Amino acid sequence: MALKSIDSEAITVDATSGGVSFTSATLTGQVLMASCRLETGPVRINTINAPTAGGSEGSLLKNIGDEFEIWGSDDLKNFRAIRTTSTSGTLTVIYQGTGA
C-alpha cells in the first residue's frame, strides 16, 4: 500500500505539563503515520506516559535535525513531546495515510 501526504503542521514543543500532542483535527481515520523532523530545540517524545519538563520519560533525547516516525492510531493519539531545556522546539510534521 502506497501512502500519500494528507496534512502537515509545525508544532511548538514547550514545557506544557504532560507534553504537547499532535493537533487532533489532523488525525483523521485516514492518517496512518506521522513523519517528524525537529527543527529547533532538544525534546523528548513519548507515546505511553505524559513526559515532564527536563524529565527522562520517553525517547532518547531528540536533537535539532533528528527525524522520526510515529505509526498507528494509538501511538498517534497518545504522542506527546516536551522540551528539555529553556528553549522550545519546533517539530515539523507531515501526516501520511490512505488519503482521499
N, C-alpha and C. Protein backbone atom coordinates (compact mmCIF):
# COMPACT_ATOMS: atom_id res chain seq x y z
N MET A 1 0.85 -1.17 0.00
CA MET A 1 0.00 0.00 0.00
C MET A 1 0.89 1.23 0.00
N ALA A 2 0.65 2.12 -0.92
CA ALA A 2 1.39 3.37 -1.01
C ALA A 2 0.72 4.42 -0.15
N LEU A 3 1.52 5.16 0.59
CA LEU A 3 0.99 6.25 1.40
C LEU A 3 1.13 7.55 0.64
N LYS A 4 0.27 8.51 0.98
CA LYS A 4 0.43 9.85 0.42
C LYS A 4 0.22 10.86 1.52
N SER A 5 0.79 12.05 1.32
CA SER A 5 0.68 13.12 2.31
C SER A 5 -0.76 13.60 2.39
N ILE A 6 -1.25 13.75 3.61
CA ILE A 6 -2.62 14.18 3.84
C ILE A 6 -2.67 15.58 4.42
N ASP A 7 -1.75 15.88 5.33
CA ASP A 7 -1.76 17.16 6.03
C ASP A 7 -0.37 17.40 6.59
N SER A 8 -0.13 18.61 7.06
CA SER A 8 1.14 18.92 7.71
C SER A 8 0.92 20.03 8.72
N GLU A 9 1.87 20.17 9.63
CA GLU A 9 1.82 21.25 10.62
C GLU A 9 3.18 21.43 11.25
N ALA A 10 3.37 22.58 11.86
CA ALA A 10 4.54 22.86 12.68
C ALA A 10 4.04 22.98 14.12
N ILE A 11 4.65 22.24 15.02
CA ILE A 11 4.23 22.22 16.42
C ILE A 11 5.33 22.84 17.27
N THR A 12 4.96 23.79 18.12
CA THR A 12 5.90 24.35 19.09
C THR A 12 5.90 23.44 20.30
N VAL A 13 7.05 22.90 20.63
CA VAL A 13 7.19 21.99 21.77
C VAL A 13 7.77 22.78 22.93
N ASP A 14 6.90 23.09 23.87
CA ASP A 14 7.30 23.89 25.02
C ASP A 14 7.29 23.03 26.28
N ALA A 15 7.14 23.66 27.44
CA ALA A 15 7.17 22.94 28.72
C ALA A 15 5.75 22.67 29.24
N THR A 16 4.77 22.62 28.35
CA THR A 16 3.39 22.33 28.75
C THR A 16 3.35 21.06 29.60
N SER A 17 2.70 21.14 30.75
CA SER A 17 2.59 19.98 31.62
C SER A 17 1.97 18.81 30.87
N GLY A 18 2.63 17.66 30.89
CA GLY A 18 2.13 16.49 30.19
C GLY A 18 2.55 16.40 28.74
N GLY A 19 3.18 17.44 28.22
CA GLY A 19 3.67 17.42 26.85
C GLY A 19 2.68 17.96 25.84
N VAL A 20 3.15 18.18 24.63
CA VAL A 20 2.38 18.72 23.52
C VAL A 20 2.04 17.57 22.57
N SER A 21 0.80 17.53 22.12
CA SER A 21 0.36 16.45 21.24
C SER A 21 0.25 16.93 19.80
N PHE A 22 0.00 15.98 18.90
CA PHE A 22 -0.36 16.34 17.53
C PHE A 22 -1.73 17.01 17.59
N THR A 23 -2.04 17.87 16.64
CA THR A 23 -3.36 18.50 16.58
C THR A 23 -4.39 17.44 16.24
N SER A 24 -5.37 17.26 17.11
CA SER A 24 -6.32 16.16 16.94
C SER A 24 -7.10 16.25 15.63
N ALA A 25 -7.34 17.45 15.13
CA ALA A 25 -8.10 17.60 13.89
C ALA A 25 -7.37 17.00 12.70
N THR A 26 -6.05 16.87 12.79
CA THR A 26 -5.28 16.30 11.67
C THR A 26 -5.30 14.78 11.70
N LEU A 27 -5.71 14.20 12.81
CA LEU A 27 -5.65 12.75 12.96
C LEU A 27 -6.96 12.09 12.52
N THR A 28 -7.25 12.19 11.26
CA THR A 28 -8.44 11.54 10.71
C THR A 28 -8.19 10.04 10.64
N GLY A 29 -9.22 9.28 10.37
CA GLY A 29 -9.08 7.84 10.23
C GLY A 29 -8.18 7.43 9.10
N GLN A 30 -7.89 8.35 8.19
CA GLN A 30 -7.02 8.05 7.05
C GLN A 30 -5.54 8.14 7.40
N VAL A 31 -5.20 8.83 8.49
CA VAL A 31 -3.79 9.02 8.85
C VAL A 31 -3.25 7.74 9.49
N LEU A 32 -2.16 7.23 8.93
CA LEU A 32 -1.52 6.02 9.44
C LEU A 32 -0.17 6.30 10.07
N MET A 33 0.45 7.43 9.69
CA MET A 33 1.81 7.69 10.12
C MET A 33 2.09 9.19 10.13
N ALA A 34 2.93 9.61 11.08
CA ALA A 34 3.42 10.99 11.12
C ALA A 34 4.92 10.95 10.94
N SER A 35 5.40 11.67 9.95
CA SER A 35 6.82 11.80 9.68
C SER A 35 7.26 13.13 10.29
N CYS A 36 8.22 13.09 11.22
CA CYS A 36 8.57 14.27 12.01
C CYS A 36 10.04 14.63 11.86
N ARG A 37 10.31 15.94 11.91
CA ARG A 37 11.68 16.45 11.91
C ARG A 37 11.76 17.58 12.94
N LEU A 38 12.74 17.49 13.82
CA LEU A 38 12.94 18.53 14.84
C LEU A 38 13.78 19.65 14.25
N GLU A 39 13.21 20.84 14.18
CA GLU A 39 13.87 21.99 13.57
C GLU A 39 14.66 22.82 14.59
N THR A 40 14.13 22.96 15.81
CA THR A 40 14.81 23.75 16.84
C THR A 40 14.63 23.09 18.20
N GLY A 41 15.56 23.33 19.10
CA GLY A 41 15.46 22.93 20.49
C GLY A 41 15.34 21.44 20.75
N PRO A 42 16.11 20.88 21.68
CA PRO A 42 16.04 19.46 22.01
C PRO A 42 14.73 19.11 22.74
N VAL A 43 14.19 17.93 22.44
CA VAL A 43 12.93 17.48 23.05
C VAL A 43 13.02 15.99 23.35
N ARG A 44 12.08 15.52 24.15
CA ARG A 44 11.84 14.09 24.34
C ARG A 44 10.43 13.82 23.85
N ILE A 45 10.22 12.60 23.36
CA ILE A 45 8.88 12.22 22.91
C ILE A 45 8.45 10.95 23.65
N ASN A 46 7.12 10.76 23.71
CA ASN A 46 6.58 9.60 24.41
C ASN A 46 5.23 9.27 23.82
N THR A 47 4.90 8.00 23.72
CA THR A 47 3.57 7.58 23.29
C THR A 47 2.90 6.71 24.35
N ILE A 48 3.50 6.67 25.55
CA ILE A 48 2.95 5.84 26.62
C ILE A 48 2.56 6.69 27.83
N ASN A 49 3.48 7.52 28.33
CA ASN A 49 3.26 8.32 29.53
C ASN A 49 3.41 9.80 29.20
N ALA A 50 2.77 10.64 30.00
CA ALA A 50 2.93 12.08 29.85
C ALA A 50 4.30 12.49 30.38
N PRO A 51 5.16 13.06 29.55
CA PRO A 51 6.51 13.44 29.99
C PRO A 51 6.48 14.71 30.85
N THR A 52 7.53 14.89 31.65
CA THR A 52 7.69 16.09 32.45
C THR A 52 8.87 16.90 31.92
N ALA A 53 8.78 18.22 32.07
CA ALA A 53 9.85 19.10 31.59
C ALA A 53 11.16 18.71 32.26
N GLY A 54 12.19 18.51 31.46
CA GLY A 54 13.50 18.16 31.98
C GLY A 54 13.59 16.72 32.46
N GLY A 55 12.50 15.96 32.31
CA GLY A 55 12.48 14.57 32.77
C GLY A 55 13.15 13.63 31.78
N SER A 56 13.17 12.37 32.14
CA SER A 56 13.81 11.38 31.28
C SER A 56 12.80 10.40 30.68
N GLU A 57 11.50 10.66 30.85
CA GLU A 57 10.49 9.75 30.32
C GLU A 57 10.51 9.78 28.81
N GLY A 58 10.25 8.64 28.21
CA GLY A 58 10.12 8.60 26.76
C GLY A 58 11.42 8.28 26.04
N SER A 59 11.55 8.89 24.88
CA SER A 59 12.64 8.57 23.97
C SER A 59 13.98 9.07 24.48
N LEU A 60 15.01 8.60 23.83
CA LEU A 60 16.29 9.25 23.98
C LEU A 60 16.11 10.68 23.50
N LEU A 61 16.96 11.55 23.92
CA LEU A 61 16.88 12.95 23.53
C LEU A 61 16.86 13.10 22.02
N LYS A 62 15.92 13.88 21.51
CA LYS A 62 15.86 14.21 20.08
C LYS A 62 16.50 15.58 19.92
N ASN A 63 17.45 15.69 19.00
CA ASN A 63 18.18 16.93 18.78
C ASN A 63 17.83 17.53 17.43
N ILE A 64 18.18 18.79 17.25
CA ILE A 64 17.90 19.50 16.00
C ILE A 64 18.39 18.67 14.82
N GLY A 65 17.49 18.49 13.85
CA GLY A 65 17.80 17.72 12.65
C GLY A 65 17.38 16.27 12.72
N ASP A 66 17.06 15.78 13.92
CA ASP A 66 16.62 14.39 14.04
C ASP A 66 15.27 14.20 13.36
N GLU A 67 15.12 13.05 12.72
CA GLU A 67 13.87 12.67 12.08
C GLU A 67 13.39 11.36 12.67
N PHE A 68 12.07 11.23 12.80
CA PHE A 68 11.49 10.00 13.33
C PHE A 68 10.06 9.88 12.82
N GLU A 69 9.51 8.68 12.95
CA GLU A 69 8.14 8.42 12.51
C GLU A 69 7.33 7.85 13.67
N ILE A 70 6.06 8.19 13.68
CA ILE A 70 5.12 7.62 14.64
C ILE A 70 4.06 6.89 13.82
N TRP A 71 3.86 5.60 14.10
CA TRP A 71 2.93 4.76 13.35
C TRP A 71 1.79 4.27 14.23
N GLY A 72 0.60 4.15 13.65
CA GLY A 72 -0.54 3.53 14.32
C GLY A 72 -1.40 4.52 15.07
N SER A 73 -2.70 4.26 15.05
CA SER A 73 -3.65 5.22 15.63
C SER A 73 -3.45 5.45 17.12
N ASP A 74 -3.14 4.41 17.89
CA ASP A 74 -2.94 4.59 19.33
C ASP A 74 -1.73 5.48 19.62
N ASP A 75 -0.60 5.19 18.96
CA ASP A 75 0.60 5.99 19.20
C ASP A 75 0.44 7.42 18.68
N LEU A 76 -0.28 7.60 17.57
CA LEU A 76 -0.54 8.95 17.06
C LEU A 76 -1.38 9.75 18.05
N LYS A 77 -2.40 9.13 18.62
CA LYS A 77 -3.27 9.82 19.58
C LYS A 77 -2.58 10.09 20.91
N ASN A 78 -1.68 9.17 21.32
CA ASN A 78 -1.01 9.29 22.61
C ASN A 78 0.30 10.07 22.55
N PHE A 79 0.75 10.45 21.37
CA PHE A 79 2.03 11.14 21.21
C PHE A 79 2.09 12.42 22.05
N ARG A 80 3.20 12.60 22.75
CA ARG A 80 3.48 13.82 23.49
C ARG A 80 4.96 14.15 23.34
N ALA A 81 5.26 15.44 23.26
CA ALA A 81 6.64 15.91 23.20
C ALA A 81 6.80 17.05 24.20
N ILE A 82 7.99 17.15 24.77
CA ILE A 82 8.27 18.22 25.74
C ILE A 82 9.72 18.65 25.58
N ARG A 83 9.95 19.95 25.74
CA ARG A 83 11.33 20.45 25.62
C ARG A 83 12.14 19.99 26.83
N THR A 84 13.44 19.95 26.65
CA THR A 84 14.32 19.51 27.74
C THR A 84 15.21 20.62 28.26
N THR A 85 15.17 21.79 27.61
CA THR A 85 15.94 22.94 28.06
C THR A 85 15.00 24.13 28.11
N SER A 86 15.53 25.32 28.28
CA SER A 86 14.69 26.53 28.31
C SER A 86 14.27 26.97 26.92
N THR A 87 14.77 26.30 25.88
CA THR A 87 14.43 26.65 24.50
C THR A 87 13.36 25.72 23.97
N SER A 88 12.26 26.28 23.49
CA SER A 88 11.20 25.46 22.89
C SER A 88 11.67 24.87 21.57
N GLY A 89 11.15 23.70 21.25
CA GLY A 89 11.47 23.05 20.00
C GLY A 89 10.38 23.32 18.97
N THR A 90 10.73 23.21 17.71
CA THR A 90 9.75 23.27 16.63
C THR A 90 9.82 21.95 15.88
N LEU A 91 8.69 21.28 15.82
CA LEU A 91 8.58 19.98 15.19
C LEU A 91 7.76 20.13 13.92
N THR A 92 8.35 19.81 12.77
CA THR A 92 7.63 19.82 11.50
C THR A 92 7.09 18.41 11.28
N VAL A 93 5.78 18.32 11.03
CA VAL A 93 5.12 17.02 10.91
C VAL A 93 4.39 16.93 9.57
N ILE A 94 4.58 15.81 8.88
CA ILE A 94 3.80 15.50 7.69
C ILE A 94 3.02 14.23 7.98
N TYR A 95 1.69 14.34 7.88
CA TYR A 95 0.82 13.20 8.13
C TYR A 95 0.60 12.44 6.84
N GLN A 96 0.75 11.14 6.89
CA GLN A 96 0.59 10.32 5.69
C GLN A 96 -0.40 9.19 5.95
N GLY A 97 -1.07 8.81 4.89
CA GLY A 97 -2.05 7.74 5.00
C GLY A 97 -2.65 7.40 3.68
N THR A 98 -3.85 6.86 3.74
CA THR A 98 -4.52 6.42 2.53
C THR A 98 -5.14 7.59 1.76
N GLY A 99 -5.51 8.63 2.47
CA GLY A 99 -5.98 9.87 1.85
C GLY A 99 -7.11 9.76 0.88
N ALA A 100 -7.75 10.88 0.67
CA ALA A 100 -8.87 10.93 -0.28
C ALA A 100 -8.39 11.42 -1.61
